[in-house]
């Protein structure tokens, strides 16, 4: 009888430990998925925001594709693959995969800043790293805000 209780008690203790570990794992993963995501209610803060490189170069604006200087406007110099002031030019420091100033280098130390219409820094325009909640992916903004 004592052995049965001991085995039952051990099983209950093991189950409690496993449940606690599972809860810790789930809670540690939730903030990363929430922090790296652009939410539709954030679109207003990006609309009309300027993109400015570390060296002060203007790289266009964030906003609907019909806006003249929008990086999502296919006719804009800021969305082209040839312009020296476009984040989509993979041959310049703002659009390649290795520059410290590039949007598309997830390890970049100085990606372009996103500056609101009021002049406040919203964050950085960058594809990563995913744990950095100060960085916003241009593709996430485009599709979440329906600016394509």
N, C-alpha and C. Protein backbone atom coordinates (compact mmCIF):
# COMPACT_ATOMS: atom_id res chain seq x y z
N UNK A 1 0.83 -1.20 0.00
CA UNK A 1 0.00 0.00 0.00
C UNK A 1 0.87 1.26 0.00
N UNK A 2 1.91 1.28 0.81
CA UNK A 2 2.82 2.41 0.86
C UNK A 2 3.52 2.61 -0.49
N UNK A 3 3.86 1.52 -1.15
CA UNK A 3 4.52 1.59 -2.45
C UNK A 3 3.57 2.19 -3.49
N UNK A 4 2.30 1.82 -3.46
CA UNK A 4 1.32 2.37 -4.39
C UNK A 4 1.19 3.88 -4.23
N UNK A 5 1.17 4.35 -3.01
CA UNK A 5 1.06 5.78 -2.75
C UNK A 5 2.31 6.49 -3.24
N UNK A 6 3.45 5.91 -3.02
CA UNK A 6 4.71 6.52 -3.44
C UNK A 6 4.76 6.65 -4.95
N UNK A 7 4.35 5.63 -5.67
CA UNK A 7 4.34 5.67 -7.12
C UNK A 7 3.33 6.71 -7.60
N UNK A 8 2.12 6.71 -6.99
CA UNK A 8 1.12 7.71 -7.35
C UNK A 8 1.64 9.13 -7.09
N UNK A 9 2.26 9.33 -5.96
CA UNK A 9 2.79 10.65 -5.61
C UNK A 9 3.88 11.07 -6.60
N UNK A 10 4.74 10.14 -6.97
CA UNK A 10 5.82 10.45 -7.92
C UNK A 10 5.25 10.82 -9.29
N UNK A 11 4.23 10.10 -9.71
CA UNK A 11 3.60 10.39 -11.00
C UNK A 11 2.98 11.78 -10.98
N UNK A 12 2.29 12.11 -9.89
CA UNK A 12 1.67 13.43 -9.77
C UNK A 12 2.73 14.53 -9.77
N UNK A 13 3.83 14.31 -9.10
CA UNK A 13 4.91 15.29 -9.06
C UNK A 13 5.51 15.48 -10.45
N UNK A 14 5.74 14.39 -11.16
CA UNK A 14 6.31 14.45 -12.51
C UNK A 14 5.36 15.20 -13.47
N UNK A 15 4.08 14.95 -13.34
CA UNK A 15 3.10 15.63 -14.19
C UNK A 15 3.12 17.13 -13.91
N UNK A 16 3.17 17.51 -12.64
CA UNK A 16 3.22 18.92 -12.28
C UNK A 16 4.48 19.59 -12.84
N UNK A 17 5.60 18.91 -12.76
CA UNK A 17 6.86 19.45 -13.28
C UNK A 17 6.77 19.62 -14.80
N UNK A 18 6.21 18.64 -15.49
CA UNK A 18 6.09 18.72 -16.94
C UNK A 18 5.15 19.85 -17.36
N UNK A 19 4.07 20.03 -16.63
CA UNK A 19 3.12 21.11 -16.94
C UNK A 19 3.80 22.47 -16.73
N UNK A 20 4.55 22.63 -15.65
CA UNK A 20 5.25 23.89 -15.39
C UNK A 20 6.26 24.18 -16.50
N UNK A 21 6.99 23.18 -16.93
CA UNK A 21 7.97 23.37 -18.01
C UNK A 21 7.27 23.76 -19.31
N UNK A 22 6.15 23.12 -19.60
CA UNK A 22 5.40 23.45 -20.81
C UNK A 22 4.89 24.89 -20.77
N UNK A 23 4.40 25.31 -19.63
CA UNK A 23 3.92 26.68 -19.48
C UNK A 23 5.06 27.67 -19.67
N UNK A 24 6.21 27.39 -19.12
CA UNK A 24 7.38 28.26 -19.27
C UNK A 24 7.80 28.36 -20.73
N UNK A 25 7.81 27.25 -21.42
CA UNK A 25 8.18 27.24 -22.84
C UNK A 25 7.19 28.06 -23.65
N UNK A 26 5.91 27.87 -23.43
CA UNK A 26 4.88 28.61 -24.16
C UNK A 26 4.98 30.10 -23.88
N UNK A 27 5.13 30.48 -22.63
CA UNK A 27 5.21 31.90 -22.27
C UNK A 27 6.48 32.55 -22.81
N UNK A 28 7.55 31.80 -22.92
CA UNK A 28 8.78 32.39 -23.44
C UNK A 28 8.72 32.60 -24.94
N UNK A 29 7.87 31.87 -25.65
CA UNK A 29 7.76 32.02 -27.09
C UNK A 29 6.75 33.08 -27.51
N UNK A 30 5.74 33.32 -26.73
CA UNK A 30 4.66 34.24 -27.08
C UNK A 30 5.16 35.66 -27.32
N UNK A 31 5.98 36.25 -26.45
CA UNK A 31 6.39 37.63 -26.70
C UNK A 31 7.11 37.83 -28.02
N UNK A 32 7.91 36.87 -28.47
CA UNK A 32 8.65 37.04 -29.72
C UNK A 32 7.70 37.12 -30.90
N UNK A 33 6.67 36.33 -30.92
CA UNK A 33 5.75 36.38 -32.05
C UNK A 33 4.91 37.65 -32.01
N UNK A 34 4.61 38.15 -30.83
CA UNK A 34 3.80 39.36 -30.70
C UNK A 34 4.64 40.60 -31.02
N UNK A 35 5.89 40.66 -30.57
CA UNK A 35 6.70 41.85 -30.72
C UNK A 35 7.16 42.11 -32.14
N UNK A 36 7.35 41.07 -32.94
CA UNK A 36 7.92 41.26 -34.26
C UNK A 36 6.86 41.49 -35.33
N UNK A 37 5.65 41.49 -34.98
CA UNK A 37 4.56 41.56 -35.93
C UNK A 37 4.03 42.99 -36.06
N UNK A 38 3.70 43.39 -37.29
CA UNK A 38 3.04 44.67 -37.51
C UNK A 38 1.55 44.42 -37.43
N UNK A 39 0.87 45.19 -36.62
CA UNK A 39 -0.57 45.03 -36.46
C UNK A 39 -1.30 46.10 -37.27
N UNK A 40 -2.49 45.77 -37.74
CA UNK A 40 -3.25 46.70 -38.58
C UNK A 40 -3.55 48.02 -37.87
N UNK A 41 -3.68 47.99 -36.56
CA UNK A 41 -3.95 49.23 -35.83
C UNK A 41 -2.71 50.12 -35.74
N UNK A 42 -1.54 49.62 -36.17
CA UNK A 42 -0.32 50.43 -36.19
C UNK A 42 -0.12 51.16 -37.51
N UNK A 43 -0.92 50.86 -38.53
CA UNK A 43 -0.72 51.43 -39.86
C UNK A 43 -0.74 52.95 -39.87
N UNK A 44 -1.58 53.56 -39.06
CA UNK A 44 -1.67 55.03 -39.05
C UNK A 44 -0.33 55.68 -38.68
N UNK A 45 0.44 55.03 -37.81
CA UNK A 45 1.71 55.65 -37.41
C UNK A 45 2.77 55.58 -38.51
N UNK A 46 2.61 54.62 -39.43
CA UNK A 46 3.55 54.50 -40.55
C UNK A 46 3.17 55.38 -41.74
N UNK A 47 1.89 55.69 -41.89
CA UNK A 47 1.41 56.43 -43.06
C UNK A 47 2.09 57.80 -43.14
N UNK A 48 2.84 58.02 -44.22
CA UNK A 48 3.54 59.28 -44.42
C UNK A 48 4.88 59.39 -43.72
N UNK A 49 5.26 58.35 -42.99
CA UNK A 49 6.55 58.37 -42.29
C UNK A 49 7.70 58.33 -43.31
N UNK A 50 8.75 59.07 -43.03
CA UNK A 50 9.92 59.11 -43.90
C UNK A 50 10.91 58.03 -43.50
N UNK A 51 11.65 57.56 -44.47
CA UNK A 51 12.72 56.60 -44.22
C UNK A 51 14.03 57.36 -44.42
N UNK A 52 14.86 57.38 -43.39
CA UNK A 52 16.10 58.15 -43.43
C UNK A 52 17.26 57.25 -43.04
N UNK A 53 18.28 57.21 -43.92
CA UNK A 53 19.47 56.41 -43.64
C UNK A 53 20.30 57.06 -42.55
N UNK A 54 21.22 56.30 -41.99
CA UNK A 54 22.10 56.79 -40.93
C UNK A 54 22.89 58.03 -41.38
N UNK A 55 23.25 58.08 -42.67
CA UNK A 55 24.02 59.22 -43.19
C UNK A 55 23.12 60.40 -43.58
N UNK A 56 21.81 60.31 -43.33
CA UNK A 56 20.88 61.40 -43.61
C UNK A 56 20.20 61.32 -44.96
N UNK A 57 20.55 60.34 -45.77
CA UNK A 57 19.94 60.20 -47.09
C UNK A 57 18.47 59.85 -46.96
N UNK A 58 17.62 60.60 -47.66
CA UNK A 58 16.18 60.32 -47.69
C UNK A 58 15.94 59.12 -48.60
N UNK A 59 15.22 58.13 -48.11
CA UNK A 59 14.98 56.90 -48.87
C UNK A 59 13.50 56.69 -49.17
N UNK A 60 12.73 57.76 -49.18
CA UNK A 60 11.32 57.67 -49.51
C UNK A 60 10.43 57.71 -48.28
N UNK A 61 9.17 57.38 -48.51
CA UNK A 61 8.16 57.38 -47.45
C UNK A 61 7.45 56.04 -47.39
N UNK A 62 6.85 55.79 -46.26
CA UNK A 62 6.01 54.60 -46.10
C UNK A 62 4.57 55.06 -46.27
N UNK A 63 3.84 54.37 -47.10
CA UNK A 63 2.45 54.74 -47.31
C UNK A 63 1.89 53.99 -48.50
N UNK A 64 0.62 54.22 -48.81
CA UNK A 64 -0.05 53.52 -49.90
C UNK A 64 0.69 53.70 -51.23
N UNK A 65 0.51 52.75 -52.13
CA UNK A 65 1.25 52.75 -53.39
C UNK A 65 0.91 53.93 -54.29
N UNK A 66 -0.19 54.62 -54.05
CA UNK A 66 -0.53 55.76 -54.90
C UNK A 66 0.18 57.05 -54.47
N UNK A 67 0.84 57.03 -53.32
CA UNK A 67 1.60 58.20 -52.87
C UNK A 67 2.88 58.32 -53.71
N UNK A 68 3.20 59.51 -54.16
CA UNK A 68 4.32 59.76 -55.07
C UNK A 68 5.65 59.22 -54.57
N UNK A 69 5.99 59.46 -53.32
CA UNK A 69 7.29 59.07 -52.78
C UNK A 69 7.26 57.78 -51.96
N UNK A 70 6.18 57.03 -52.07
CA UNK A 70 6.05 55.78 -51.32
C UNK A 70 7.01 54.72 -51.86
N UNK A 71 7.59 53.98 -50.95
CA UNK A 71 8.47 52.87 -51.37
C UNK A 71 7.65 51.74 -52.00
N UNK A 72 6.35 51.81 -51.88
CA UNK A 72 5.47 50.80 -52.47
C UNK A 72 4.88 51.24 -53.82
N UNK A 73 5.18 52.46 -54.25
CA UNK A 73 4.73 52.98 -55.54
C UNK A 73 5.73 52.51 -56.61
N UNK A 74 5.30 51.64 -57.49
CA UNK A 74 6.19 51.05 -58.49
C UNK A 74 6.80 52.08 -59.44
N UNK A 75 6.21 53.28 -59.54
CA UNK A 75 6.75 54.33 -60.40
C UNK A 75 7.70 55.27 -59.66
N UNK A 76 7.82 55.09 -58.38
CA UNK A 76 8.66 55.97 -57.56
C UNK A 76 10.12 55.54 -57.65
N UNK A 77 11.02 56.54 -57.62
CA UNK A 77 12.45 56.21 -57.60
C UNK A 77 12.81 55.43 -56.33
N UNK A 78 12.01 55.59 -55.29
CA UNK A 78 12.29 54.94 -54.01
C UNK A 78 11.91 53.46 -53.98
N UNK A 79 11.23 53.00 -55.01
CA UNK A 79 10.87 51.58 -55.06
C UNK A 79 11.64 50.84 -56.15
N UNK A 80 12.48 51.56 -56.87
CA UNK A 80 13.16 50.95 -58.02
C UNK A 80 14.37 50.11 -57.61
N UNK A 81 14.78 49.26 -58.51
CA UNK A 81 15.96 48.43 -58.27
C UNK A 81 17.23 49.10 -58.80
N UNK A 82 17.11 50.30 -59.38
CA UNK A 82 18.27 50.99 -59.94
C UNK A 82 18.65 52.28 -59.21
N UNK A 83 17.72 52.86 -58.45
CA UNK A 83 17.98 54.14 -57.80
C UNK A 83 18.95 53.99 -56.62
N UNK A 84 19.86 54.94 -56.51
CA UNK A 84 20.82 54.91 -55.39
C UNK A 84 20.13 55.24 -54.06
N UNK A 85 18.89 55.74 -54.13
CA UNK A 85 18.14 56.10 -52.93
C UNK A 85 16.97 55.15 -52.68
N UNK A 86 17.11 53.92 -53.14
CA UNK A 86 16.05 52.93 -52.97
C UNK A 86 16.54 51.77 -52.10
N UNK A 87 15.69 51.37 -51.17
CA UNK A 87 16.03 50.21 -50.34
C UNK A 87 15.91 48.91 -51.14
N UNK A 88 15.31 48.98 -52.32
CA UNK A 88 15.13 47.79 -53.15
C UNK A 88 16.23 47.62 -54.20
N UNK A 89 17.26 48.46 -54.13
CA UNK A 89 18.42 48.33 -55.00
C UNK A 89 19.44 47.45 -54.27
N UNK A 90 19.59 46.23 -54.72
CA UNK A 90 20.48 45.28 -54.04
C UNK A 90 21.96 45.58 -54.27
N UNK A 91 22.26 46.60 -55.08
CA UNK A 91 23.64 46.99 -55.32
C UNK A 91 24.10 48.18 -54.47
N UNK A 92 23.22 48.72 -53.63
CA UNK A 92 23.65 49.83 -52.78
C UNK A 92 23.64 49.42 -51.31
N UNK A 93 24.16 50.31 -50.48
CA UNK A 93 24.31 49.99 -49.05
C UNK A 93 22.99 49.91 -48.30
N UNK A 94 21.89 50.40 -48.88
CA UNK A 94 20.60 50.38 -48.19
C UNK A 94 19.75 49.16 -48.53
N UNK A 95 20.12 48.43 -49.58
CA UNK A 95 19.29 47.33 -50.03
C UNK A 95 20.00 46.00 -50.19
N UNK A 96 21.32 45.97 -49.98
CA UNK A 96 22.00 44.68 -50.14
C UNK A 96 21.85 43.82 -48.88
N UNK A 97 22.42 42.67 -48.90
CA UNK A 97 22.23 41.74 -47.76
C UNK A 97 23.39 41.75 -46.77
N UNK A 98 24.38 42.62 -46.96
CA UNK A 98 25.56 42.59 -46.09
C UNK A 98 25.93 43.92 -45.44
N UNK A 99 25.41 45.03 -45.92
CA UNK A 99 25.76 46.33 -45.36
C UNK A 99 25.14 46.54 -43.98
N UNK A 100 25.86 47.23 -43.12
CA UNK A 100 25.33 47.55 -41.79
C UNK A 100 24.23 48.60 -41.83
N UNK A 101 24.00 49.21 -43.00
CA UNK A 101 22.96 50.21 -43.17
C UNK A 101 21.78 49.69 -43.99
N UNK A 102 21.78 48.39 -44.26
CA UNK A 102 20.77 47.82 -45.15
C UNK A 102 19.52 47.34 -44.42
N UNK A 103 18.39 47.56 -45.08
CA UNK A 103 17.11 47.06 -44.59
C UNK A 103 17.09 45.53 -44.63
N UNK A 104 17.79 44.95 -45.60
CA UNK A 104 17.70 43.52 -45.85
C UNK A 104 18.86 42.70 -45.28
N UNK A 105 19.60 43.29 -44.35
CA UNK A 105 20.62 42.56 -43.59
C UNK A 105 20.07 42.45 -42.17
N UNK A 106 19.66 41.25 -41.77
CA UNK A 106 19.03 41.13 -40.45
C UNK A 106 20.00 41.36 -39.29
N UNK A 107 21.29 41.47 -39.58
CA UNK A 107 22.29 41.77 -38.55
C UNK A 107 22.78 43.21 -38.63
N UNK A 108 22.18 44.02 -39.47
CA UNK A 108 22.63 45.41 -39.65
C UNK A 108 22.58 46.18 -38.33
N UNK A 109 23.63 46.93 -38.08
CA UNK A 109 23.69 47.71 -36.84
C UNK A 109 23.05 49.09 -37.00
N UNK A 110 22.96 49.59 -38.24
CA UNK A 110 22.40 50.93 -38.49
C UNK A 110 21.42 50.95 -39.65
N UNK A 111 20.35 50.16 -39.59
CA UNK A 111 19.38 50.22 -40.69
C UNK A 111 18.68 51.58 -40.70
N UNK A 112 18.03 51.92 -41.80
CA UNK A 112 17.35 53.22 -41.88
C UNK A 112 16.30 53.43 -40.78
N UNK A 113 16.16 54.68 -40.39
CA UNK A 113 15.17 55.05 -39.37
C UNK A 113 13.83 55.32 -40.03
N UNK A 114 12.77 55.06 -39.29
CA UNK A 114 11.42 55.44 -39.71
C UNK A 114 11.05 56.65 -38.88
N UNK A 115 10.84 57.79 -39.55
CA UNK A 115 10.55 59.05 -38.87
C UNK A 115 9.10 59.45 -39.16
N UNK A 116 8.32 59.65 -38.12
CA UNK A 116 6.91 60.01 -38.28
C UNK A 116 6.77 61.40 -38.89
N UNK A 117 5.55 61.73 -39.30
CA UNK A 117 5.27 63.06 -39.85
C UNK A 117 5.54 64.15 -38.81
N UNK A 118 5.48 63.79 -37.54
CA UNK A 118 5.75 64.74 -36.46
C UNK A 118 7.24 64.86 -36.14
N UNK A 119 8.08 64.05 -36.81
CA UNK A 119 9.52 64.10 -36.59
C UNK A 119 10.05 63.15 -35.54
N UNK A 120 9.19 62.31 -35.00
CA UNK A 120 9.60 61.34 -33.98
C UNK A 120 10.08 60.04 -34.63
N UNK A 121 11.09 59.43 -34.06
CA UNK A 121 11.55 58.14 -34.58
C UNK A 121 10.59 57.03 -34.12
N UNK A 122 10.03 56.31 -35.09
CA UNK A 122 9.12 55.21 -34.81
C UNK A 122 9.91 53.94 -34.53
N UNK A 123 10.97 53.75 -35.28
CA UNK A 123 11.81 52.56 -35.16
C UNK A 123 12.74 52.48 -36.35
N UNK A 124 13.19 51.28 -36.65
CA UNK A 124 14.10 51.04 -37.77
C UNK A 124 13.37 50.21 -38.82
N UNK A 125 13.69 50.46 -40.08
CA UNK A 125 13.14 49.65 -41.17
C UNK A 125 14.14 48.54 -41.44
N UNK A 126 13.78 47.31 -41.08
CA UNK A 126 14.73 46.20 -41.15
C UNK A 126 13.99 44.87 -41.11
N UNK A 127 14.58 43.88 -41.75
CA UNK A 127 13.97 42.54 -41.72
C UNK A 127 14.30 41.78 -40.45
N UNK A 128 15.11 42.31 -39.60
CA UNK A 128 15.42 41.57 -38.37
C UNK A 128 16.45 42.28 -37.53
N UNK A 129 16.86 41.66 -36.47
CA UNK A 129 16.48 40.34 -36.00
C UNK A 129 15.07 40.31 -35.42
N UNK A 130 14.50 39.13 -35.42
CA UNK A 130 13.10 38.98 -35.06
C UNK A 130 12.80 39.34 -33.60
N UNK A 131 13.81 39.28 -32.74
CA UNK A 131 13.57 39.59 -31.32
C UNK A 131 13.56 41.09 -31.04
N UNK A 132 13.98 41.89 -32.01
CA UNK A 132 14.08 43.33 -31.80
C UNK A 132 12.76 44.02 -32.16
N UNK A 133 12.03 44.46 -31.15
CA UNK A 133 10.71 45.06 -31.38
C UNK A 133 10.78 46.52 -31.83
N UNK A 134 11.99 47.04 -32.06
CA UNK A 134 12.16 48.39 -32.59
C UNK A 134 12.31 48.36 -34.11
N UNK A 135 12.33 47.17 -34.70
CA UNK A 135 12.54 47.02 -36.13
C UNK A 135 11.27 46.54 -36.81
N UNK A 136 10.99 47.12 -37.98
CA UNK A 136 9.77 46.79 -38.72
C UNK A 136 10.15 46.37 -40.14
N UNK A 137 9.62 45.24 -40.55
CA UNK A 137 9.89 44.69 -41.87
C UNK A 137 9.03 45.42 -42.91
N UNK A 138 9.66 45.93 -43.99
CA UNK A 138 8.87 46.67 -44.99
C UNK A 138 7.80 45.82 -45.66
N UNK A 139 8.05 44.52 -45.80
CA UNK A 139 7.06 43.64 -46.41
C UNK A 139 5.87 43.43 -45.48
N UNK A 140 6.13 43.31 -44.18
CA UNK A 140 5.04 43.17 -43.21
C UNK A 140 4.16 44.42 -43.20
N UNK A 141 4.79 45.59 -43.24
CA UNK A 141 4.02 46.84 -43.25
C UNK A 141 3.15 46.89 -44.51
N UNK A 142 3.74 46.59 -45.66
CA UNK A 142 3.03 46.68 -46.93
C UNK A 142 1.77 45.81 -46.94
N UNK A 143 1.90 44.57 -46.51
CA UNK A 143 0.77 43.64 -46.61
C UNK A 143 -0.22 43.79 -45.45
N UNK A 144 0.28 44.10 -44.25
CA UNK A 144 -0.62 44.31 -43.13
C UNK A 144 -1.49 45.54 -43.35
N UNK A 145 -0.89 46.60 -43.87
CA UNK A 145 -1.60 47.85 -44.08
C UNK A 145 -2.32 47.89 -45.44
N UNK A 146 -2.19 46.82 -46.20
CA UNK A 146 -2.85 46.70 -47.51
C UNK A 146 -2.43 47.83 -48.45
N UNK A 147 -1.11 48.08 -48.51
CA UNK A 147 -0.58 49.15 -49.35
C UNK A 147 0.08 48.62 -50.61
N UNK A 148 -0.33 47.42 -51.05
CA UNK A 148 0.26 46.87 -52.27
C UNK A 148 -0.64 47.08 -53.48
